[in-house]
Amino acid sequence: MRWIAALPMYNASPVLAEDWRGLLTEVRAQLADWLGARGDTLDLTDPGDDLTAFWLRDDLLLSQTCGYPLLHALNDRVRVVATPDFDAPGCIDGTYRSAVVVGAQVRPDDLADCRGLRAAYKGDDSQQRHESAATCRGAARARRPVFSPRSSEAAAISPR
C-alpha cells in the first residue's frame, strides 16, 4: 500500500515546516524495514486546504491535529499514537499556549479595553479559536463577547 504522512499543524514559519518535514523523513527511515516487508511505501505529502478530509483518508499513516478537531470532526474516527511535549516557553507537560496581540497603535490596559476591536484566529476548527477566545471573554468579564471574528486567517487584532 502507498501510505501518506504530513504534519500540517503549527507550521508558523518555513523553518518550522522544514523541521516537521525533517521529523517525518526520520520516521520514514525508521519504518523502512517494516514498510518494505509489507511491500508498502510512505510518501510525505502536502495535505491541502481541507485538513479534515486529509485526516480521514484511508491511506493516511501519520499526521497531527490540535485538540478541537480531534474531539469533534475526528472523534472516534482516528487513533492517537502520541502527544508532543513541546520545549517552548509556557508549554509545560503538554500544555497549550496562545497569545493575544494588538496593533502598535492600540494601548489597552486590559482585555476589556479591546471591546469592539476585531479578532482573527487560525481557523474555525482550531482549539485556539474556541478556547482562547472563551478564556479572553471570561477574563474580561464582558457582558458581550470582547472579540468578534473577522476572518479564519491568522492576523493581529486591528481596529475597525
N, C-alpha and C. Protein backbone atom coordinates (compact mmCIF):
# COMPACT_ATOMS: atom_id res chain seq x y z
N MET A 1 0.84 -1.18 0.00
CA MET A 1 0.00 0.00 0.00
C MET A 1 0.88 1.24 0.00
N ARG A 2 0.40 2.27 -0.63
CA ARG A 2 1.08 3.55 -0.63
C ARG A 2 0.47 4.39 0.48
N TRP A 3 1.21 4.60 1.58
CA TRP A 3 0.76 5.40 2.70
C TRP A 3 1.21 6.84 2.50
N ILE A 4 0.52 7.76 3.18
CA ILE A 4 0.92 9.17 3.16
C ILE A 4 1.08 9.67 4.59
N ALA A 5 1.85 10.74 4.74
CA ALA A 5 2.05 11.36 6.05
C ALA A 5 2.31 12.85 5.85
N ALA A 6 1.83 13.65 6.80
CA ALA A 6 2.10 15.08 6.83
C ALA A 6 1.84 15.58 8.24
N LEU A 7 2.59 16.58 8.65
CA LEU A 7 2.40 17.22 9.95
C LEU A 7 2.04 18.68 9.68
N PRO A 8 0.76 18.96 9.40
CA PRO A 8 0.37 20.28 8.92
C PRO A 8 0.13 21.35 9.99
N MET A 9 0.04 20.98 11.24
CA MET A 9 -0.31 21.96 12.27
C MET A 9 0.94 22.70 12.76
N TYR A 10 0.75 23.94 13.14
CA TYR A 10 1.77 24.75 13.80
C TYR A 10 2.97 25.07 12.92
N ASN A 11 2.76 25.10 11.62
CA ASN A 11 3.83 25.48 10.70
C ASN A 11 3.86 27.00 10.59
N ALA A 12 4.30 27.65 11.65
CA ALA A 12 4.25 29.11 11.74
C ALA A 12 5.33 29.79 10.90
N SER A 13 6.28 29.03 10.42
CA SER A 13 7.34 29.61 9.60
C SER A 13 7.86 28.54 8.65
N PRO A 14 8.51 28.95 7.57
CA PRO A 14 9.11 27.96 6.67
C PRO A 14 10.14 27.08 7.38
N VAL A 15 10.86 27.65 8.32
CA VAL A 15 11.87 26.88 9.06
C VAL A 15 11.19 25.78 9.88
N LEU A 16 10.11 26.13 10.57
CA LEU A 16 9.39 25.13 11.36
C LEU A 16 8.77 24.07 10.45
N ALA A 17 8.21 24.47 9.33
CA ALA A 17 7.65 23.50 8.38
C ALA A 17 8.74 22.52 7.92
N GLU A 18 9.93 23.03 7.69
CA GLU A 18 11.04 22.17 7.27
C GLU A 18 11.46 21.23 8.41
N ASP A 19 11.41 21.72 9.64
CA ASP A 19 11.71 20.86 10.79
C ASP A 19 10.72 19.70 10.89
N TRP A 20 9.42 20.01 10.70
CA TRP A 20 8.40 18.95 10.73
C TRP A 20 8.68 17.93 9.63
N ARG A 21 9.02 18.43 8.45
CA ARG A 21 9.31 17.53 7.33
C ARG A 21 10.55 16.67 7.65
N GLY A 22 11.52 17.27 8.31
CA GLY A 22 12.70 16.50 8.72
C GLY A 22 12.34 15.39 9.69
N LEU A 23 11.44 15.70 10.62
CA LEU A 23 10.98 14.67 11.56
C LEU A 23 10.29 13.53 10.81
N LEU A 24 9.44 13.87 9.86
CA LEU A 24 8.76 12.82 9.09
C LEU A 24 9.75 12.02 8.24
N THR A 25 10.77 12.66 7.75
CA THR A 25 11.80 11.95 6.98
C THR A 25 12.48 10.91 7.87
N GLU A 26 12.75 11.28 9.12
CA GLU A 26 13.34 10.35 10.08
C GLU A 26 12.38 9.21 10.42
N VAL A 27 11.11 9.54 10.60
CA VAL A 27 10.10 8.50 10.87
C VAL A 27 10.06 7.51 9.71
N ARG A 28 10.05 8.03 8.49
CA ARG A 28 10.03 7.15 7.32
C ARG A 28 11.26 6.24 7.29
N ALA A 29 12.41 6.77 7.63
CA ALA A 29 13.63 5.95 7.67
C ALA A 29 13.52 4.86 8.74
N GLN A 30 12.96 5.20 9.90
CA GLN A 30 12.80 4.22 10.97
C GLN A 30 11.81 3.13 10.60
N LEU A 31 10.83 3.46 9.75
CA LEU A 31 9.81 2.49 9.34
C LEU A 31 10.16 1.74 8.06
N ALA A 32 11.31 2.04 7.48
CA ALA A 32 11.67 1.48 6.17
C ALA A 32 11.60 -0.04 6.13
N ASP A 33 12.17 -0.71 7.12
CA ASP A 33 12.15 -2.18 7.11
C ASP A 33 10.72 -2.72 7.22
N TRP A 34 9.92 -2.14 8.11
CA TRP A 34 8.54 -2.56 8.29
C TRP A 34 7.74 -2.35 7.02
N LEU A 35 7.90 -1.16 6.42
CA LEU A 35 7.20 -0.87 5.18
C LEU A 35 7.64 -1.81 4.07
N GLY A 36 8.94 -2.01 3.95
CA GLY A 36 9.48 -2.87 2.89
C GLY A 36 9.00 -4.31 3.01
N ALA A 37 8.95 -4.83 4.24
CA ALA A 37 8.50 -6.20 4.46
C ALA A 37 7.04 -6.38 4.03
N ARG A 38 6.28 -5.33 4.06
CA ARG A 38 4.87 -5.37 3.67
C ARG A 38 4.66 -5.02 2.20
N GLY A 39 5.72 -4.54 1.56
CA GLY A 39 5.58 -4.06 0.19
C GLY A 39 4.93 -2.69 0.11
N ASP A 40 5.01 -1.95 1.21
CA ASP A 40 4.37 -0.63 1.30
C ASP A 40 5.39 0.48 1.11
N THR A 41 4.88 1.68 0.87
CA THR A 41 5.71 2.88 0.78
C THR A 41 5.06 3.97 1.63
N LEU A 42 5.84 4.98 1.97
CA LEU A 42 5.34 6.12 2.72
C LEU A 42 5.79 7.39 2.01
N ASP A 43 4.82 8.15 1.51
CA ASP A 43 5.10 9.41 0.84
C ASP A 43 4.78 10.56 1.78
N LEU A 44 5.69 11.52 1.83
CA LEU A 44 5.45 12.75 2.58
C LEU A 44 4.74 13.69 1.62
N THR A 45 3.63 14.24 2.05
CA THR A 45 2.77 14.97 1.13
C THR A 45 2.29 16.28 1.71
N ASP A 46 1.73 17.11 0.87
CA ASP A 46 1.06 18.34 1.29
C ASP A 46 -0.40 17.98 1.52
N PRO A 47 -0.94 18.26 2.71
CA PRO A 47 -2.31 17.85 3.00
C PRO A 47 -3.38 18.65 2.28
N GLY A 48 -3.04 19.79 1.71
CA GLY A 48 -4.04 20.63 1.05
C GLY A 48 -4.79 21.47 2.07
N ASP A 49 -5.83 22.14 1.62
CA ASP A 49 -6.56 23.08 2.46
C ASP A 49 -7.59 22.42 3.37
N ASP A 50 -8.15 21.30 2.97
CA ASP A 50 -9.20 20.64 3.76
C ASP A 50 -8.55 19.58 4.67
N LEU A 51 -8.13 20.03 5.85
CA LEU A 51 -7.42 19.11 6.75
C LEU A 51 -8.31 17.98 7.24
N THR A 52 -9.57 18.24 7.49
CA THR A 52 -10.45 17.16 7.95
C THR A 52 -10.50 16.05 6.92
N ALA A 53 -10.66 16.40 5.67
CA ALA A 53 -10.67 15.38 4.61
C ALA A 53 -9.34 14.64 4.56
N PHE A 54 -8.25 15.37 4.72
CA PHE A 54 -6.93 14.74 4.72
C PHE A 54 -6.81 13.75 5.88
N TRP A 55 -7.19 14.18 7.07
CA TRP A 55 -7.06 13.32 8.25
C TRP A 55 -7.90 12.06 8.15
N LEU A 56 -8.96 12.09 7.36
CA LEU A 56 -9.85 10.93 7.26
C LEU A 56 -9.55 10.05 6.05
N ARG A 57 -8.49 10.33 5.33
CA ARG A 57 -8.13 9.50 4.18
C ARG A 57 -7.76 8.09 4.64
N ASP A 58 -8.13 7.11 3.85
CA ASP A 58 -7.83 5.71 4.16
C ASP A 58 -6.34 5.39 4.07
N ASP A 59 -5.60 6.17 3.30
CA ASP A 59 -4.17 5.90 3.12
C ASP A 59 -3.29 6.73 4.05
N LEU A 60 -3.88 7.42 5.02
CA LEU A 60 -3.10 8.22 5.96
C LEU A 60 -2.48 7.33 7.02
N LEU A 61 -1.17 7.40 7.16
CA LEU A 61 -0.47 6.63 8.19
C LEU A 61 -0.19 7.49 9.42
N LEU A 62 0.23 8.75 9.21
CA LEU A 62 0.62 9.58 10.34
C LEU A 62 0.38 11.06 10.02
N SER A 63 -0.21 11.75 10.98
CA SER A 63 -0.41 13.19 10.85
C SER A 63 -0.54 13.78 12.24
N GLN A 64 -0.92 15.05 12.33
CA GLN A 64 -1.12 15.70 13.61
C GLN A 64 -2.33 16.62 13.52
N THR A 65 -2.97 16.80 14.65
CA THR A 65 -4.11 17.70 14.75
C THR A 65 -4.06 18.38 16.10
N CYS A 66 -4.82 19.42 16.26
CA CYS A 66 -4.96 20.00 17.58
C CYS A 66 -6.20 19.40 18.24
N GLY A 67 -6.44 19.77 19.48
CA GLY A 67 -7.48 19.14 20.27
C GLY A 67 -8.89 19.31 19.76
N TYR A 68 -9.21 20.47 19.20
CA TYR A 68 -10.59 20.70 18.78
C TYR A 68 -11.02 19.75 17.67
N PRO A 69 -10.28 19.65 16.56
CA PRO A 69 -10.69 18.68 15.54
C PRO A 69 -10.67 17.24 16.07
N LEU A 70 -9.70 16.94 16.93
CA LEU A 70 -9.60 15.59 17.46
C LEU A 70 -10.85 15.20 18.24
N LEU A 71 -11.39 16.13 19.01
CA LEU A 71 -12.57 15.83 19.82
C LEU A 71 -13.89 16.08 19.12
N HIS A 72 -13.84 16.62 17.92
CA HIS A 72 -15.08 16.91 17.20
C HIS A 72 -15.12 16.15 15.87
N ALA A 73 -14.57 16.70 14.81
CA ALA A 73 -14.68 16.08 13.48
C ALA A 73 -14.00 14.71 13.42
N LEU A 74 -12.96 14.51 14.23
CA LEU A 74 -12.20 13.26 14.16
C LEU A 74 -12.53 12.29 15.30
N ASN A 75 -13.41 12.69 16.20
CA ASN A 75 -13.74 11.87 17.36
C ASN A 75 -14.18 10.46 16.94
N ASP A 76 -13.53 9.46 17.51
CA ASP A 76 -13.80 8.04 17.23
C ASP A 76 -13.54 7.66 15.78
N ARG A 77 -12.80 8.50 15.04
CA ARG A 77 -12.52 8.19 13.64
C ARG A 77 -11.03 8.05 13.37
N VAL A 78 -10.20 8.46 14.33
CA VAL A 78 -8.75 8.32 14.23
C VAL A 78 -8.22 7.78 15.55
N ARG A 79 -6.97 7.35 15.55
CA ARG A 79 -6.37 6.84 16.78
C ARG A 79 -5.16 7.69 17.15
N VAL A 80 -5.11 8.13 18.39
CA VAL A 80 -3.98 8.90 18.90
C VAL A 80 -2.84 7.94 19.20
N VAL A 81 -1.66 8.23 18.66
CA VAL A 81 -0.49 7.39 18.91
C VAL A 81 0.58 8.12 19.71
N ALA A 82 0.50 9.44 19.79
CA ALA A 82 1.47 10.20 20.57
C ALA A 82 0.93 11.62 20.79
N THR A 83 1.41 12.25 21.83
CA THR A 83 1.11 13.65 22.10
C THR A 83 2.43 14.37 22.30
N PRO A 84 2.74 15.34 21.45
CA PRO A 84 4.02 16.03 21.60
C PRO A 84 4.07 16.86 22.88
N ASP A 85 5.25 16.99 23.41
CA ASP A 85 5.50 17.82 24.57
C ASP A 85 6.57 18.83 24.14
N PHE A 86 6.10 19.99 23.69
CA PHE A 86 7.00 20.98 23.11
C PHE A 86 7.86 21.66 24.16
N ASP A 87 9.07 21.96 23.77
CA ASP A 87 10.00 22.70 24.60
C ASP A 87 9.90 24.18 24.21
N ALA A 88 8.80 24.79 24.66
CA ALA A 88 8.55 26.20 24.34
C ALA A 88 8.14 26.92 25.62
N PRO A 89 8.50 28.19 25.74
CA PRO A 89 8.14 28.93 26.95
C PRO A 89 6.64 28.86 27.22
N GLY A 90 6.28 28.51 28.44
CA GLY A 90 4.89 28.44 28.83
C GLY A 90 4.19 27.14 28.49
N CYS A 91 4.86 26.24 27.79
CA CYS A 91 4.27 24.95 27.41
C CYS A 91 4.94 23.85 28.21
N ILE A 92 4.36 23.53 29.35
CA ILE A 92 4.93 22.53 30.24
C ILE A 92 4.00 21.34 30.31
N ASP A 93 4.56 20.14 30.25
CA ASP A 93 3.79 18.90 30.36
C ASP A 93 2.65 18.84 29.35
N GLY A 94 2.94 19.20 28.11
CA GLY A 94 1.95 19.09 27.05
C GLY A 94 0.90 20.18 27.02
N THR A 95 1.08 21.24 27.80
CA THR A 95 0.09 22.32 27.82
C THR A 95 0.19 23.17 26.56
N TYR A 96 -0.85 23.95 26.34
CA TYR A 96 -1.00 24.78 25.16
C TYR A 96 -0.86 26.24 25.55
N ARG A 97 -0.35 27.03 24.64
CA ARG A 97 -0.22 28.46 24.91
C ARG A 97 -0.61 29.25 23.67
N SER A 98 -1.28 30.35 23.90
CA SER A 98 -1.68 31.24 22.81
C SER A 98 -1.42 32.66 23.26
N ALA A 99 -1.35 33.57 22.31
CA ALA A 99 -1.11 34.98 22.63
C ALA A 99 -2.17 35.84 21.97
N VAL A 100 -2.53 36.90 22.65
CA VAL A 100 -3.41 37.91 22.07
C VAL A 100 -2.53 39.10 21.76
N VAL A 101 -2.56 39.56 20.52
CA VAL A 101 -1.74 40.70 20.12
C VAL A 101 -2.64 41.78 19.55
N VAL A 102 -2.21 43.01 19.64
CA VAL A 102 -2.94 44.14 19.08
C VAL A 102 -1.97 44.98 18.27
N GLY A 103 -2.52 45.82 17.41
CA GLY A 103 -1.70 46.72 16.64
C GLY A 103 -0.92 47.67 17.54
N ALA A 104 0.22 48.15 17.05
CA ALA A 104 1.07 49.03 17.85
C ALA A 104 0.35 50.30 18.29
N GLN A 105 -0.65 50.73 17.53
CA GLN A 105 -1.38 51.96 17.87
C GLN A 105 -2.41 51.75 18.97
N VAL A 106 -2.70 50.52 19.32
CA VAL A 106 -3.69 50.21 20.36
C VAL A 106 -2.95 50.06 21.69
N ARG A 107 -3.42 50.73 22.71
CA ARG A 107 -2.75 50.70 24.01
C ARG A 107 -3.73 50.28 25.10
N PRO A 108 -4.18 49.03 25.10
CA PRO A 108 -5.15 48.61 26.13
C PRO A 108 -4.46 48.37 27.47
N ASP A 109 -5.16 48.68 28.54
CA ASP A 109 -4.67 48.35 29.88
C ASP A 109 -5.04 46.92 30.24
N ASP A 110 -6.15 46.44 29.68
CA ASP A 110 -6.58 45.07 29.92
C ASP A 110 -7.47 44.63 28.76
N LEU A 111 -7.93 43.40 28.81
CA LEU A 111 -8.73 42.86 27.72
C LEU A 111 -10.05 43.61 27.52
N ALA A 112 -10.62 44.13 28.60
CA ALA A 112 -11.88 44.86 28.46
C ALA A 112 -11.71 46.07 27.55
N ASP A 113 -10.51 46.66 27.52
CA ASP A 113 -10.25 47.80 26.64
C ASP A 113 -10.25 47.41 25.16
N CYS A 114 -10.23 46.13 24.88
CA CYS A 114 -10.23 45.64 23.49
C CYS A 114 -11.64 45.44 22.95
N ARG A 115 -12.64 45.67 23.79
CA ARG A 115 -14.03 45.51 23.34
C ARG A 115 -14.26 46.36 22.10
N GLY A 116 -14.87 45.76 21.09
CA GLY A 116 -15.17 46.47 19.85
C GLY A 116 -14.11 46.28 18.78
N LEU A 117 -12.94 45.79 19.14
CA LEU A 117 -11.92 45.51 18.13
C LEU A 117 -12.27 44.20 17.41
N ARG A 118 -11.72 44.02 16.27
CA ARG A 118 -11.93 42.77 15.54
C ARG A 118 -10.87 41.76 15.94
N ALA A 119 -11.26 40.50 15.89
CA ALA A 119 -10.30 39.43 16.21
C ALA A 119 -10.17 38.51 15.01
N ALA A 120 -9.00 37.96 14.86
CA ALA A 120 -8.75 36.96 13.82
C ALA A 120 -8.16 35.75 14.51
N TYR A 121 -8.32 34.63 13.91
CA TYR A 121 -7.83 33.38 14.50
C TYR A 121 -7.44 32.43 13.40
N LYS A 122 -6.78 31.36 13.79
CA LYS A 122 -6.23 30.42 12.82
C LYS A 122 -7.28 29.73 11.97
N GLY A 123 -8.35 29.25 12.56
CA GLY A 123 -9.36 28.55 11.79
C GLY A 123 -10.55 28.16 12.64
N ASP A 124 -11.69 27.96 12.01
CA ASP A 124 -12.90 27.60 12.74
C ASP A 124 -12.76 26.28 13.48
N ASP A 125 -11.87 25.42 13.01
CA ASP A 125 -11.73 24.11 13.63
C ASP A 125 -10.55 24.04 14.59
N SER A 126 -10.06 25.19 15.05
CA SER A 126 -8.87 25.16 15.92
C SER A 126 -9.22 25.35 17.39
N GLN A 127 -8.45 24.72 18.22
CA GLN A 127 -8.58 24.87 19.67
C GLN A 127 -8.39 26.33 20.05
N GLN A 128 -7.45 26.98 19.38
CA GLN A 128 -7.17 28.39 19.65
C GLN A 128 -8.43 29.22 19.47
N ARG A 129 -9.16 29.00 18.42
CA ARG A 129 -10.35 29.79 18.12
C ARG A 129 -11.40 29.62 19.22
N HIS A 130 -11.59 28.42 19.68
CA HIS A 130 -12.66 28.15 20.64
C HIS A 130 -12.25 28.45 22.09
N GLU A 131 -11.15 27.89 22.51
CA GLU A 131 -10.76 28.02 23.92
C GLU A 131 -10.14 29.36 24.26
N SER A 132 -9.25 29.86 23.42
CA SER A 132 -8.59 31.12 23.74
C SER A 132 -9.57 32.28 23.73
N ALA A 133 -10.46 32.31 22.76
CA ALA A 133 -11.45 33.38 22.72
C ALA A 133 -12.36 33.33 23.95
N ALA A 134 -12.77 32.12 24.34
CA ALA A 134 -13.63 31.99 25.52
C ALA A 134 -12.89 32.43 26.77
N THR A 135 -11.62 32.09 26.87
CA THR A 135 -10.82 32.49 28.01
C THR A 135 -10.68 34.00 28.07
N CYS A 136 -10.46 34.62 26.92
CA CYS A 136 -10.34 36.09 26.88
C CYS A 136 -11.64 36.75 27.29
N ARG A 137 -12.75 36.24 26.78
CA ARG A 137 -14.04 36.83 27.15
C ARG A 137 -14.28 36.71 28.65
N GLY A 138 -13.99 35.55 29.19
CA GLY A 138 -14.18 35.35 30.62
C GLY A 138 -13.28 36.25 31.44
N ALA A 139 -12.04 36.37 31.01
CA ALA A 139 -11.09 37.20 31.74
C ALA A 139 -11.50 38.66 31.73
N ALA A 140 -12.12 39.10 30.67
CA ALA A 140 -12.55 40.49 30.57
C ALA A 140 -13.88 40.73 31.28
N ARG A 141 -14.58 39.64 31.65
CA ARG A 141 -15.88 39.73 32.32
C ARG A 141 -16.84 40.66 31.58
N ALA A 142 -16.87 40.49 30.25
CA ALA A 142 -17.73 41.33 29.42
C ALA A 142 -19.15 40.78 29.39
N ARG A 143 -20.11 41.66 29.22
CA ARG A 143 -21.50 41.23 29.07
C ARG A 143 -21.76 40.73 27.67
N ARG A 144 -20.91 41.07 26.74
CA ARG A 144 -20.98 40.54 25.38
C ARG A 144 -19.55 40.15 24.99
N PRO A 145 -19.39 39.37 23.93
CA PRO A 145 -18.02 38.96 23.57
C PRO A 145 -17.10 40.16 23.39
N VAL A 146 -15.89 40.03 23.89
CA VAL A 146 -14.88 41.07 23.75
C VAL A 146 -14.45 41.17 22.29
N PHE A 147 -14.34 40.02 21.62
CA PHE A 147 -13.87 39.98 20.25
C PHE A 147 -14.96 39.43 19.34
N SER A 148 -14.98 39.88 18.11
CA SER A 148 -15.85 39.28 17.10
C SER A 148 -14.96 38.84 15.95
N PRO A 149 -15.11 37.59 15.48
CA PRO A 149 -14.21 37.07 14.43
C PRO A 149 -14.29 37.91 13.16
N ARG A 150 -13.13 38.13 12.57
CA ARG A 150 -13.03 38.87 11.31
C ARG A 150 -12.79 37.92 10.15
N SER A 151 -11.92 36.96 10.33
CA SER A 151 -11.61 36.03 9.26
C SER A 151 -11.08 34.75 9.86
N SER A 152 -10.88 33.75 9.02
CA SER A 152 -10.35 32.49 9.51
C SER A 152 -8.85 32.41 9.29
N GLU A 153 -8.23 33.51 8.91
CA GLU A 153 -6.79 33.52 8.73
C GLU A 153 -6.13 34.22 9.91
N ALA A 154 -4.99 33.72 10.32
CA ALA A 154 -4.29 34.30 11.45
C ALA A 154 -3.87 35.74 11.14
N ALA A 155 -4.15 36.63 12.05
CA ALA A 155 -3.75 38.02 11.91
C ALA A 155 -3.85 38.69 13.28
N ALA A 156 -3.24 39.83 13.42
CA ALA A 156 -3.30 40.56 14.68
C ALA A 156 -4.66 41.22 14.81
N ILE A 157 -5.06 41.49 16.04
CA ILE A 157 -6.28 42.25 16.27
C ILE A 157 -6.05 43.66 15.74
N SER A 158 -7.00 44.17 14.99
CA SER A 158 -6.83 45.50 14.43
C SER A 158 -8.10 46.33 14.65
N PRO A 159 -7.96 47.66 14.69
CA PRO A 159 -9.13 48.50 14.88
C PRO A 159 -10.08 48.39 13.69
N ARG A 160 -11.34 48.75 13.91
CA ARG A 160 -12.33 48.73 12.81
C ARG A 160 -11.92 49.63 11.69
